[in-house]
Amino acid sequence: IREILRLEKELKSGMYRERKPKFFTVTEPKTREIMSIAFRDRIYQRS
C-alpha cells in the first residue's frame, strides 16, 4: 500500500525516475545479456 501510493505520487507529480537496472548473462539456449529492472519500475511498465 505504501509503496504503490509512493509510486503513484511520483508518477503524477513528474518526480518519477527509473532506478538503475541490473545486467546478467544467460547461456541457455544461447549466450546473451539480459537487463533486470527494479520491481517498482516493472509495475509501472506493465500497467
ModelCIF file with pLDDT and N, C-alpha, C, O atoms, coordinates in Angstrom:
data_MODEL
#
_entry.id   MODEL 
#
_entity.id                         1 
_entity.type                       polymer 
_entity.pdbx_number_of_molecules   1 
#
_entity_poly.entity_id                      1 
_entity_poly.type                           'polypeptide(L)' 
_entity_poly.nstd_linkage                   no 
_entity_poly.nstd_monomer                   no 
_entity_poly.pdbx_seq_one_letter_code       IREILRLEKELKSGMYRERKPKFFTVTEPKTREIMSIAFRDRIYQRS 
_entity_poly.pdbx_seq_one_letter_code_can   IREILRLEKELKSGMYRERKPKFFTVTEPKTREIMSIAFRDRIYQRS 
_entity_poly.pdbx_strand_id                 A 
#
loop_
_entity_poly_seq.entity_id 
_entity_poly_seq.num 
_entity_poly_seq.mon_id 
_entity_poly_seq.hetero 
1 1  ILE n 
1 2  ARG n 
1 3  GLU n 
1 4  ILE n 
1 5  LEU n 
1 6  ARG n 
1 7  LEU n 
1 8  GLU n 
1 9  LYS n 
1 10 GLU n 
1 11 LEU n 
1 12 LYS n 
1 13 SER n 
1 14 GLY n 
1 15 MET n 
1 16 TYR n 
1 17 ARG n 
1 18 GLU n 
1 19 ARG n 
1 20 LYS n 
1 21 PRO n 
1 22 LYS n 
1 23 PHE n 
1 24 PHE n 
1 25 THR n 
1 26 VAL n 
1 27 THR n 
1 28 GLU n 
1 29 PRO n 
1 30 LYS n 
1 31 THR n 
1 32 ARG n 
1 33 GLU n 
1 34 ILE n 
1 35 MET n 
1 36 SER n 
1 37 ILE n 
1 38 ALA n 
1 39 PHE n 
1 40 ARG n 
1 41 ASP n 
1 42 ARG n 
1 43 ILE n 
1 44 TYR n 
1 45 GLN n 
1 46 ARG n 
1 47 SER n 
#
_struct_asym.id          A 
_struct_asym.entity_id   1 
#
loop_
_ma_qa_metric.id 
_ma_qa_metric.mode 
_ma_qa_metric.name 
_ma_qa_metric.software_group_id 
_ma_qa_metric.type 
1 global pLDDT . pLDDT 
2 local  pLDDT . pLDDT 
#
_ma_qa_metric_global.metric_id      1 
_ma_qa_metric_global.metric_value   83.66 
_ma_qa_metric_global.model_id       1 
_ma_qa_metric_global.ordinal_id     1 
#
loop_
_ma_qa_metric_local.label_asym_id 
_ma_qa_metric_local.label_comp_id 
_ma_qa_metric_local.label_seq_id 
_ma_qa_metric_local.metric_id 
_ma_qa_metric_local.metric_value 
_ma_qa_metric_local.model_id 
_ma_qa_metric_local.ordinal_id 
A ILE 1  2 89.00 1 1  
A ARG 2  2 90.00 1 2  
A GLU 3  2 90.00 1 3  
A ILE 4  2 90.00 1 4  
A LEU 5  2 92.00 1 5  
A ARG 6  2 91.00 1 6  
A LEU 7  2 91.00 1 7  
A GLU 8  2 91.00 1 8  
A LYS 9  2 91.00 1 9  
A GLU 10 2 90.00 1 10 
A LEU 11 2 90.00 1 11 
A LYS 12 2 90.00 1 12 
A SER 13 2 88.00 1 13 
A GLY 14 2 86.00 1 14 
A MET 15 2 88.00 1 15 
A TYR 16 2 88.00 1 16 
A ARG 17 2 87.00 1 17 
A GLU 18 2 84.00 1 18 
A ARG 19 2 85.00 1 19 
A LYS 20 2 81.00 1 20 
A PRO 21 2 80.00 1 21 
A LYS 22 2 80.00 1 22 
A PHE 23 2 76.00 1 23 
A PHE 24 2 77.00 1 24 
A THR 25 2 77.00 1 25 
A VAL 26 2 71.00 1 26 
A THR 27 2 69.00 1 27 
A GLU 28 2 63.00 1 28 
A PRO 29 2 61.00 1 29 
A LYS 30 2 68.00 1 30 
A THR 31 2 73.00 1 31 
A ARG 32 2 72.00 1 32 
A GLU 33 2 74.00 1 33 
A ILE 34 2 76.00 1 34 
A MET 35 2 77.00 1 35 
A SER 36 2 82.00 1 36 
A ILE 37 2 84.00 1 37 
A ALA 38 2 86.00 1 38 
A PHE 39 2 88.00 1 39 
A ARG 40 2 90.00 1 40 
A ASP 41 2 90.00 1 41 
A ARG 42 2 91.00 1 42 
A ILE 43 2 91.00 1 43 
A TYR 44 2 91.00 1 44 
A GLN 45 2 90.00 1 45 
A ARG 46 2 91.00 1 46 
A SER 47 2 92.00 1 47 
#
loop_
_atom_site.group_PDB 
_atom_site.id 
_atom_site.type_symbol 
_atom_site.label_atom_id 
_atom_site.label_alt_id 
_atom_site.label_comp_id 
_atom_site.label_asym_id 
_atom_site.label_entity_id 
_atom_site.label_seq_id 
_atom_site.pdbx_PDB_ins_code 
_atom_site.Cartn_x 
_atom_site.Cartn_y 
_atom_site.Cartn_z 
_atom_site.occupancy 
_atom_site.B_iso_or_equiv 
_atom_site.pdbx_formal_charge 
_atom_site.auth_seq_id 
_atom_site.auth_comp_id 
_atom_site.auth_asym_id 
_atom_site.auth_atom_id 
_atom_site.pdbx_PDB_model_num 
ATOM 1   N N  . ILE A 1 1  ? 0.842  -1.207  0.000   1.00 89.00 ? 1  ILE A N  1 
ATOM 2   C CA . ILE A 1 1  ? 0.000  0.000   0.000   1.00 89.00 ? 1  ILE A CA 1 
ATOM 3   C C  . ILE A 1 1  ? 0.874  1.253   0.000   1.00 89.00 ? 1  ILE A C  1 
ATOM 4   O O  . ILE A 1 1  ? 0.672  2.173   -0.792  1.00 89.00 ? 1  ILE A O  1 
ATOM 5   N N  . ARG A 1 2  ? 1.855  1.265   0.914   1.00 90.00 ? 2  ARG A N  1 
ATOM 6   C CA . ARG A 1 2  ? 2.751  2.421   0.998   1.00 90.00 ? 2  ARG A CA 1 
ATOM 7   C C  . ARG A 1 2  ? 3.561  2.596   -0.279  1.00 90.00 ? 2  ARG A C  1 
ATOM 8   O O  . ARG A 1 2  ? 3.710  3.714   -0.774  1.00 90.00 ? 2  ARG A O  1 
ATOM 9   N N  . GLU A 1 3  ? 4.085  1.496   -0.814  1.00 90.00 ? 3  GLU A N  1 
ATOM 10  C CA . GLU A 1 3  ? 4.947  1.562   -1.993  1.00 90.00 ? 3  GLU A CA 1 
ATOM 11  C C  . GLU A 1 3  ? 4.175  1.997   -3.245  1.00 90.00 ? 3  GLU A C  1 
ATOM 12  O O  . GLU A 1 3  ? 4.685  2.781   -4.046  1.00 90.00 ? 3  GLU A O  1 
ATOM 13  N N  . ILE A 1 4  ? 2.954  1.492   -3.415  1.00 90.00 ? 4  ILE A N  1 
ATOM 14  C CA . ILE A 1 4  ? 2.170  1.882   -4.584  1.00 90.00 ? 4  ILE A CA 1 
ATOM 15  C C  . ILE A 1 4  ? 1.713  3.335   -4.476  1.00 90.00 ? 4  ILE A C  1 
ATOM 16  O O  . ILE A 1 4  ? 1.695  4.052   -5.477  1.00 90.00 ? 4  ILE A O  1 
ATOM 17  N N  . LEU A 1 5  ? 1.348  3.772   -3.282  1.00 92.00 ? 5  LEU A N  1 
ATOM 18  C CA . LEU A 1 5  ? 0.987  5.181   -3.098  1.00 92.00 ? 5  LEU A CA 1 
ATOM 19  C C  . LEU A 1 5  ? 2.168  6.091   -3.426  1.00 92.00 ? 5  LEU A C  1 
ATOM 20  O O  . LEU A 1 5  ? 1.995  7.144   -4.040  1.00 92.00 ? 5  LEU A O  1 
ATOM 21  N N  . ARG A 1 6  ? 3.368  5.682   -3.014  1.00 91.00 ? 6  ARG A N  1 
ATOM 22  C CA . ARG A 1 6  ? 4.576  6.465   -3.299  1.00 91.00 ? 6  ARG A CA 1 
ATOM 23  C C  . ARG A 1 6  ? 4.841  6.494   -4.804  1.00 91.00 ? 6  ARG A C  1 
ATOM 24  O O  . ARG A 1 6  ? 5.172  7.544   -5.355  1.00 91.00 ? 6  ARG A O  1 
ATOM 25  N N  . LEU A 1 7  ? 4.695  5.341   -5.473  1.00 91.00 ? 7  LEU A N  1 
ATOM 26  C CA . LEU A 1 7  ? 4.909  5.278   -6.915  1.00 91.00 ? 7  LEU A CA 1 
ATOM 27  C C  . LEU A 1 7  ? 3.880  6.126   -7.650  1.00 91.00 ? 7  LEU A C  1 
ATOM 28  O O  . LEU A 1 7  ? 4.224  6.833   -8.597  1.00 91.00 ? 7  LEU A O  1 
ATOM 29  N N  . GLU A 1 8  ? 2.630  6.062   -7.227  1.00 91.00 ? 8  GLU A N  1 
ATOM 30  C CA . GLU A 1 8  ? 1.579  6.861   -7.858  1.00 91.00 ? 8  GLU A CA 1 
ATOM 31  C C  . GLU A 1 8  ? 1.864  8.356   -7.707  1.00 91.00 ? 8  GLU A C  1 
ATOM 32  O O  . GLU A 1 8  ? 1.695  9.124   -8.654  1.00 91.00 ? 8  GLU A O  1 
ATOM 33  N N  . LYS A 1 9  ? 2.295  8.761   -6.518  1.00 91.00 ? 9  LYS A N  1 
ATOM 34  C CA . LYS A 1 9  ? 2.594  10.166  -6.265  1.00 91.00 ? 9  LYS A CA 1 
ATOM 35  C C  . LYS A 1 9  ? 3.734  10.660  -7.149  1.00 91.00 ? 9  LYS A C  1 
ATOM 36  O O  . LYS A 1 9  ? 3.668  11.764  -7.689  1.00 91.00 ? 9  LYS A O  1 
ATOM 37  N N  . GLU A 1 10 ? 4.779  9.848   -7.297  1.00 90.00 ? 10 GLU A N  1 
ATOM 38  C CA . GLU A 1 10 ? 5.924  10.229  -8.133  1.00 90.00 ? 10 GLU A CA 1 
ATOM 39  C C  . GLU A 1 10 ? 5.520  10.348  -9.603  1.00 90.00 ? 10 GLU A C  1 
ATOM 40  O O  . GLU A 1 10 ? 5.959  11.264  -10.300 1.00 90.00 ? 10 GLU A O  1 
ATOM 41  N N  . LEU A 1 11 ? 4.689  9.425   -10.068 1.00 90.00 ? 11 LEU A N  1 
ATOM 42  C CA . LEU A 1 11 ? 4.273  9.450   -11.462 1.00 90.00 ? 11 LEU A CA 1 
ATOM 43  C C  . LEU A 1 11 ? 3.392  10.652  -11.770 1.00 90.00 ? 11 LEU A C  1 
ATOM 44  O O  . LEU A 1 11 ? 3.540  11.274  -12.822 1.00 90.00 ? 11 LEU A O  1 
ATOM 45  N N  . LYS A 1 12 ? 2.495  10.979  -10.880 1.00 90.00 ? 12 LYS A N  1 
ATOM 46  C CA . LYS A 1 12 ? 1.574  12.092  -11.118 1.00 90.00 ? 12 LYS A CA 1 
ATOM 47  C C  . LYS A 1 12 ? 2.236  13.446  -10.949 1.00 90.00 ? 12 LYS A C  1 
ATOM 48  O O  . LYS A 1 12 ? 1.831  14.420  -11.583 1.00 90.00 ? 12 LYS A O  1 
ATOM 49  N N  . SER A 1 13 ? 3.256  13.516  -10.093 1.00 88.00 ? 13 SER A N  1 
ATOM 50  C CA . SER A 1 13 ? 3.938  14.792  -9.858  1.00 88.00 ? 13 SER A CA 1 
ATOM 51  C C  . SER A 1 13 ? 5.083  15.035  -10.837 1.00 88.00 ? 13 SER A C  1 
ATOM 52  O O  . SER A 1 13 ? 5.649  16.128  -10.878 1.00 88.00 ? 13 SER A O  1 
ATOM 53  N N  . GLY A 1 14 ? 5.423  14.020  -11.623 1.00 86.00 ? 14 GLY A N  1 
ATOM 54  C CA . GLY A 1 14 ? 6.532  14.157  -12.567 1.00 86.00 ? 14 GLY A CA 1 
ATOM 55  C C  . GLY A 1 14 ? 7.888  13.946  -11.935 1.00 86.00 ? 14 GLY A C  1 
ATOM 56  O O  . GLY A 1 14 ? 8.910  14.235  -12.559 1.00 86.00 ? 14 GLY A O  1 
ATOM 57  N N  . MET A 1 15 ? 7.923  13.447  -10.703 1.00 88.00 ? 15 MET A N  1 
ATOM 58  C CA . MET A 1 15 ? 9.183  13.223  -9.996  1.00 88.00 ? 15 MET A CA 1 
ATOM 59  C C  . MET A 1 15 ? 9.705  11.793  -10.162 1.00 88.00 ? 15 MET A C  1 
ATOM 60  O O  . MET A 1 15 ? 10.745 11.437  -9.606  1.00 88.00 ? 15 MET A O  1 
ATOM 61  N N  . TYR A 1 16 ? 8.985  10.988  -10.920 1.00 88.00 ? 16 TYR A N  1 
ATOM 62  C CA . TYR A 1 16 ? 9.375  9.588   -11.078 1.00 88.00 ? 16 TYR A CA 1 
ATOM 63  C C  . TYR A 1 16 ? 10.660 9.468   -11.889 1.00 88.00 ? 16 TYR A C  1 
ATOM 64  O O  . TYR A 1 16 ? 10.808 10.094  -12.938 1.00 88.00 ? 16 TYR A O  1 
ATOM 65  N N  . ARG A 1 17 ? 11.577 8.662   -11.391 1.00 87.00 ? 17 ARG A N  1 
ATOM 66  C CA . ARG A 1 17 ? 12.817 8.354   -12.084 1.00 87.00 ? 17 ARG A CA 1 
ATOM 67  C C  . ARG A 1 17 ? 13.066 6.851   -11.976 1.00 87.00 ? 17 ARG A C  1 
ATOM 68  O O  . ARG A 1 17 ? 12.930 6.263   -10.903 1.00 87.00 ? 17 ARG A O  1 
ATOM 69  N N  . GLU A 1 18 ? 13.429 6.249   -13.091 1.00 84.00 ? 18 GLU A N  1 
ATOM 70  C CA . GLU A 1 18 ? 13.720 4.806   -13.061 1.00 84.00 ? 18 GLU A CA 1 
ATOM 71  C C  . GLU A 1 18 ? 14.999 4.546   -12.281 1.00 84.00 ? 18 GLU A C  1 
ATOM 72  O O  . GLU A 1 18 ? 15.961 5.310   -12.350 1.00 84.00 ? 18 GLU A O  1 
ATOM 73  N N  . ARG A 1 19 ? 14.982 3.456   -11.545 1.00 85.00 ? 19 ARG A N  1 
ATOM 74  C CA . ARG A 1 19 ? 16.180 3.050   -10.821 1.00 85.00 ? 19 ARG A CA 1 
ATOM 75  C C  . ARG A 1 19 ? 17.140 2.329   -11.760 1.00 85.00 ? 19 ARG A C  1 
ATOM 76  O O  . ARG A 1 19 ? 16.739 1.802   -12.798 1.00 85.00 ? 19 ARG A O  1 
ATOM 77  N N  . LYS A 1 20 ? 18.403 2.317   -11.379 1.00 81.00 ? 20 LYS A N  1 
ATOM 78  C CA . LYS A 1 20 ? 19.433 1.742   -12.238 1.00 81.00 ? 20 LYS A CA 1 
ATOM 79  C C  . LYS A 1 20 ? 19.187 0.244   -12.415 1.00 81.00 ? 20 LYS A C  1 
ATOM 80  O O  . LYS A 1 20 ? 19.076 -0.477  -11.424 1.00 81.00 ? 20 LYS A O  1 
ATOM 81  N N  . PRO A 1 21 ? 19.101 -0.236  -13.653 1.00 80.00 ? 21 PRO A N  1 
ATOM 82  C CA . PRO A 1 21 ? 18.848 -1.667  -13.873 1.00 80.00 ? 21 PRO A CA 1 
ATOM 83  C C  . PRO A 1 21 ? 20.097 -2.509  -13.619 1.00 80.00 ? 21 PRO A C  1 
ATOM 84  O O  . PRO A 1 21 ? 21.216 -1.998  -13.582 1.00 80.00 ? 21 PRO A O  1 
ATOM 85  N N  . LYS A 1 22 ? 19.876 -3.805  -13.446 1.00 80.00 ? 22 LYS A N  1 
ATOM 86  C CA . LYS A 1 22 ? 20.977 -4.750  -13.278 1.00 80.00 ? 22 LYS A CA 1 
ATOM 87  C C  . LYS A 1 22 ? 21.090 -5.596  -14.549 1.00 80.00 ? 22 LYS A C  1 
ATOM 88  O O  . LYS A 1 22 ? 20.102 -5.834  -15.244 1.00 80.00 ? 22 LYS A O  1 
ATOM 89  N N  . PHE A 1 23 ? 22.289 -6.033  -14.829 1.00 76.00 ? 23 PHE A N  1 
ATOM 90  C CA . PHE A 1 23 ? 22.533 -6.840  -16.028 1.00 76.00 ? 23 PHE A CA 1 
ATOM 91  C C  . PHE A 1 23 ? 23.159 -8.174  -15.630 1.00 76.00 ? 23 PHE A C  1 
ATOM 92  O O  . PHE A 1 23 ? 24.015 -8.240  -14.748 1.00 76.00 ? 23 PHE A O  1 
ATOM 93  N N  . PHE A 1 24 ? 22.716 -9.225  -16.296 1.00 77.00 ? 24 PHE A N  1 
ATOM 94  C CA . PHE A 1 24 ? 23.306 -10.541 -16.082 1.00 77.00 ? 24 PHE A CA 1 
ATOM 95  C C  . PHE A 1 24 ? 23.320 -11.289 -17.408 1.00 77.00 ? 24 PHE A C  1 
ATOM 96  O O  . PHE A 1 24 ? 22.606 -10.927 -18.342 1.00 77.00 ? 24 PHE A O  1 
ATOM 97  N N  . THR A 1 25 ? 24.127 -12.319 -17.481 1.00 77.00 ? 25 THR A N  1 
ATOM 98  C CA . THR A 1 25 ? 24.309 -13.083 -18.724 1.00 77.00 ? 25 THR A CA 1 
ATOM 99  C C  . THR A 1 25 ? 23.728 -14.477 -18.567 1.00 77.00 ? 25 THR A C  1 
ATOM 100 O O  . THR A 1 25 ? 23.971 -15.154 -17.568 1.00 77.00 ? 25 THR A O  1 
ATOM 101 N N  . VAL A 1 26 ? 22.960 -14.898 -19.563 1.00 71.00 ? 26 VAL A N  1 
ATOM 102 C CA . VAL A 1 26 ? 22.446 -16.271 -19.604 1.00 71.00 ? 26 VAL A CA 1 
ATOM 103 C C  . VAL A 1 26 ? 23.136 -17.002 -20.753 1.00 71.00 ? 26 VAL A C  1 
ATOM 104 O O  . VAL A 1 26 ? 23.501 -16.398 -21.761 1.00 71.00 ? 26 VAL A O  1 
ATOM 105 N N  . THR A 1 27 ? 23.304 -18.298 -20.584 1.00 69.00 ? 27 THR A N  1 
ATOM 106 C CA . THR A 1 27 ? 23.998 -19.098 -21.594 1.00 69.00 ? 27 THR A CA 1 
ATOM 107 C C  . THR A 1 27 ? 23.075 -20.073 -22.310 1.00 69.00 ? 27 THR A C  1 
ATOM 108 O O  . THR A 1 27 ? 23.480 -20.701 -23.288 1.00 69.00 ? 27 THR A O  1 
ATOM 109 N N  . GLU A 1 28 ? 21.822 -20.209 -21.831 1.00 63.00 ? 28 GLU A N  1 
ATOM 110 C CA . GLU A 1 28 ? 20.866 -21.132 -22.453 1.00 63.00 ? 28 GLU A CA 1 
ATOM 111 C C  . GLU A 1 28 ? 19.654 -20.348 -22.946 1.00 63.00 ? 28 GLU A C  1 
ATOM 112 O O  . GLU A 1 28 ? 19.168 -19.494 -22.204 1.00 63.00 ? 28 GLU A O  1 
ATOM 113 N N  . PRO A 1 29 ? 19.146 -20.577 -24.127 1.00 61.00 ? 29 PRO A N  1 
ATOM 114 C CA . PRO A 1 29 ? 19.675 -21.510 -25.123 1.00 61.00 ? 29 PRO A CA 1 
ATOM 115 C C  . PRO A 1 29 ? 20.892 -20.964 -25.862 1.00 61.00 ? 29 PRO A C  1 
ATOM 116 O O  . PRO A 1 29 ? 21.579 -21.701 -26.569 1.00 61.00 ? 29 PRO A O  1 
ATOM 117 N N  . LYS A 1 30 ? 21.159 -19.648 -25.692 1.00 68.00 ? 30 LYS A N  1 
ATOM 118 C CA . LYS A 1 30 ? 22.364 -19.061 -26.274 1.00 68.00 ? 30 LYS A CA 1 
ATOM 119 C C  . LYS A 1 30 ? 22.831 -17.946 -25.356 1.00 68.00 ? 30 LYS A C  1 
ATOM 120 O O  . LYS A 1 30 ? 22.057 -17.433 -24.548 1.00 68.00 ? 30 LYS A O  1 
ATOM 121 N N  . THR A 1 31 ? 24.089 -17.574 -25.480 1.00 73.00 ? 31 THR A N  1 
ATOM 122 C CA . THR A 1 31 ? 24.657 -16.556 -24.604 1.00 73.00 ? 31 THR A CA 1 
ATOM 123 C C  . THR A 1 31 ? 24.142 -15.169 -24.990 1.00 73.00 ? 31 THR A C  1 
ATOM 124 O O  . THR A 1 31 ? 24.252 -14.751 -26.143 1.00 73.00 ? 31 THR A O  1 
ATOM 125 N N  . ARG A 1 32 ? 23.585 -14.473 -24.018 1.00 72.00 ? 32 ARG A N  1 
ATOM 126 C CA . ARG A 1 32 ? 23.106 -13.112 -24.257 1.00 72.00 ? 32 ARG A CA 1 
ATOM 127 C C  . ARG A 1 32 ? 22.962 -12.382 -22.927 1.00 72.00 ? 32 ARG A C  1 
ATOM 128 O O  . ARG A 1 32 ? 22.813 -12.998 -21.872 1.00 72.00 ? 32 ARG A O  1 
ATOM 129 N N  . GLU A 1 33 ? 23.011 -11.060 -23.003 1.00 74.00 ? 33 GLU A N  1 
ATOM 130 C CA . GLU A 1 33 ? 22.902 -10.221 -21.810 1.00 74.00 ? 33 GLU A CA 1 
ATOM 131 C C  . GLU A 1 33 ? 21.446 -9.809  -21.599 1.00 74.00 ? 33 GLU A C  1 
ATOM 132 O O  . GLU A 1 33 ? 20.778 -9.359  -22.530 1.00 74.00 ? 33 GLU A O  1 
ATOM 133 N N  . ILE A 1 34 ? 20.967 -9.967  -20.379 1.00 76.00 ? 34 ILE A N  1 
ATOM 134 C CA . ILE A 1 34 ? 19.589 -9.649  -20.034 1.00 76.00 ? 34 ILE A CA 1 
ATOM 135 C C  . ILE A 1 34 ? 19.576 -8.515  -19.008 1.00 76.00 ? 34 ILE A C  1 
ATOM 136 O O  . ILE A 1 34 ? 20.382 -8.496  -18.078 1.00 76.00 ? 34 ILE A O  1 
ATOM 137 N N  . MET A 1 35 ? 18.667 -7.589  -19.187 1.00 77.00 ? 35 MET A N  1 
ATOM 138 C CA . MET A 1 35 ? 18.521 -6.470  -18.259 1.00 77.00 ? 35 MET A CA 1 
ATOM 139 C C  . MET A 1 35 ? 17.383 -6.757  -17.284 1.00 77.00 ? 35 MET A C  1 
ATOM 140 O O  . MET A 1 35 ? 16.293 -7.159  -17.690 1.00 77.00 ? 35 MET A O  1 
ATOM 141 N N  . SER A 1 36 ? 17.643 -6.549  -16.009 1.00 82.00 ? 36 SER A N  1 
ATOM 142 C CA . SER A 1 36 ? 16.620 -6.739  -14.977 1.00 82.00 ? 36 SER A CA 1 
ATOM 143 C C  . SER A 1 36 ? 16.318 -5.389  -14.338 1.00 82.00 ? 36 SER A C  1 
ATOM 144 O O  . SER A 1 36 ? 17.195 -4.761  -13.745 1.00 82.00 ? 36 SER A O  1 
ATOM 145 N N  . ILE A 1 37 ? 15.061 -4.947  -14.466 1.00 84.00 ? 37 ILE A N  1 
ATOM 146 C CA . ILE A 1 37 ? 14.684 -3.641  -13.921 1.00 84.00 ? 37 ILE A CA 1 
ATOM 147 C C  . ILE A 1 37 ? 14.091 -3.813  -12.530 1.00 84.00 ? 37 ILE A C  1 
ATOM 148 O O  . ILE A 1 37 ? 13.659 -4.904  -12.159 1.00 84.00 ? 37 ILE A O  1 
ATOM 149 N N  . ALA A 1 38 ? 14.074 -2.728  -11.764 1.00 86.00 ? 38 ALA A N  1 
ATOM 150 C CA . ALA A 1 38 ? 13.529 -2.762  -10.407 1.00 86.00 ? 38 ALA A CA 1 
ATOM 151 C C  . ALA A 1 38 ? 12.052 -3.143  -10.436 1.00 86.00 ? 38 ALA A C  1 
ATOM 152 O O  . ALA A 1 38 ? 11.356 -2.874  -11.415 1.00 86.00 ? 38 ALA A O  1 
ATOM 153 N N  . PHE A 1 39 ? 11.577 -3.768  -9.364  1.00 88.00 ? 39 PHE A N  1 
ATOM 154 C CA . PHE A 1 39 ? 10.204 -4.273  -9.334  1.00 88.00 ? 39 PHE A CA 1 
ATOM 155 C C  . PHE A 1 39 ? 9.190  -3.139  -9.472  1.00 88.00 ? 39 PHE A C  1 
ATOM 156 O O  . PHE A 1 39 ? 8.180  -3.295  -10.158 1.00 88.00 ? 39 PHE A O  1 
ATOM 157 N N  . ARG A 1 40 ? 9.445  -2.017  -8.836  1.00 90.00 ? 40 ARG A N  1 
ATOM 158 C CA . ARG A 1 40 ? 8.512  -0.884  -8.920  1.00 90.00 ? 40 ARG A CA 1 
ATOM 159 C C  . ARG A 1 40 ? 8.437  -0.352  -10.355 1.00 90.00 ? 40 ARG A C  1 
ATOM 160 O O  . ARG A 1 40 ? 7.370  0.051   -10.817 1.00 90.00 ? 40 ARG A O  1 
ATOM 161 N N  . ASP A 1 41 ? 9.578  -0.353  -11.058 1.00 90.00 ? 41 ASP A N  1 
ATOM 162 C CA . ASP A 1 41 ? 9.582  0.082   -12.456 1.00 90.00 ? 41 ASP A CA 1 
ATOM 163 C C  . ASP A 1 41 ? 8.850  -0.920  -13.345 1.00 90.00 ? 41 ASP A C  1 
ATOM 164 O O  . ASP A 1 41 ? 8.193  -0.543  -14.315 1.00 90.00 ? 41 ASP A O  1 
ATOM 165 N N  . ARG A 1 42 ? 8.973  -2.198  -12.998 1.00 91.00 ? 42 ARG A N  1 
ATOM 166 C CA . ARG A 1 42 ? 8.273  -3.234  -13.765 1.00 91.00 ? 42 ARG A CA 1 
ATOM 167 C C  . ARG A 1 42 ? 6.755  -3.087  -13.636 1.00 91.00 ? 42 ARG A C  1 
ATOM 168 O O  . ARG A 1 42 ? 6.016  -3.327  -14.590 1.00 91.00 ? 42 ARG A O  1 
ATOM 169 N N  . ILE A 1 43 ? 6.305  -2.692  -12.454 1.00 91.00 ? 43 ILE A N  1 
ATOM 170 C CA . ILE A 1 43 ? 4.867  -2.493  -12.227 1.00 91.00 ? 43 ILE A CA 1 
ATOM 171 C C  . ILE A 1 43 ? 4.341  -1.371  -13.118 1.00 91.00 ? 43 ILE A C  1 
ATOM 172 O O  . ILE A 1 43 ? 3.305  -1.519  -13.766 1.00 91.00 ? 43 ILE A O  1 
ATOM 173 N N  . TYR A 1 44 ? 5.053  -0.260  -13.145 1.00 91.00 ? 44 TYR A N  1 
ATOM 174 C CA . TYR A 1 44 ? 4.639  0.876   -13.977 1.00 91.00 ? 44 TYR A CA 1 
ATOM 175 C C  . TYR A 1 44 ? 4.644  0.508   -15.456 1.00 91.00 ? 44 TYR A C  1 
ATOM 176 O O  . TYR A 1 44 ? 3.696  0.816   -16.178 1.00 91.00 ? 44 TYR A O  1 
ATOM 177 N N  . GLN A 1 45 ? 5.704  -0.146  -15.905 1.00 90.00 ? 45 GLN A N  1 
ATOM 178 C CA . GLN A 1 45 ? 5.796  -0.510  -17.320 1.00 90.00 ? 45 GLN A CA 1 
ATOM 179 C C  . GLN A 1 45 ? 4.738  -1.537  -17.705 1.00 90.00 ? 45 GLN A C  1 
ATOM 180 O O  . GLN A 1 45 ? 4.214  -1.495  -18.818 1.00 90.00 ? 45 GLN A O  1 
ATOM 181 N N  . ARG A 1 46 ? 4.419  -2.457  -16.799 1.00 91.00 ? 46 ARG A N  1 
ATOM 182 C CA . ARG A 1 46 ? 3.381  -3.456  -17.090 1.00 91.00 ? 46 ARG A CA 1 
ATOM 183 C C  . ARG A 1 46 ? 2.019  -2.781  -17.212 1.00 91.00 ? 46 ARG A C  1 
ATOM 184 O O  . ARG A 1 46 ? 1.216  -3.145  -18.071 1.00 91.00 ? 46 ARG A O  1 
ATOM 185 N N  . SER A 1 47 ? 1.761  -1.806  -16.358 1.00 92.00 ? 47 SER A N  1 
ATOM 186 C CA . SER A 1 47 ? 0.494  -1.077  -16.418 1.00 92.00 ? 47 SER A CA 1 
ATOM 187 C C  . SER A 1 47 ? 0.387  -0.285  -17.719 1.00 92.00 ? 47 SER A C  1 
ATOM 188 O O  . SER A 1 47 ? -0.614 0.393   -17.948 1.00 92.00 ? 47 SER A O  1 
#
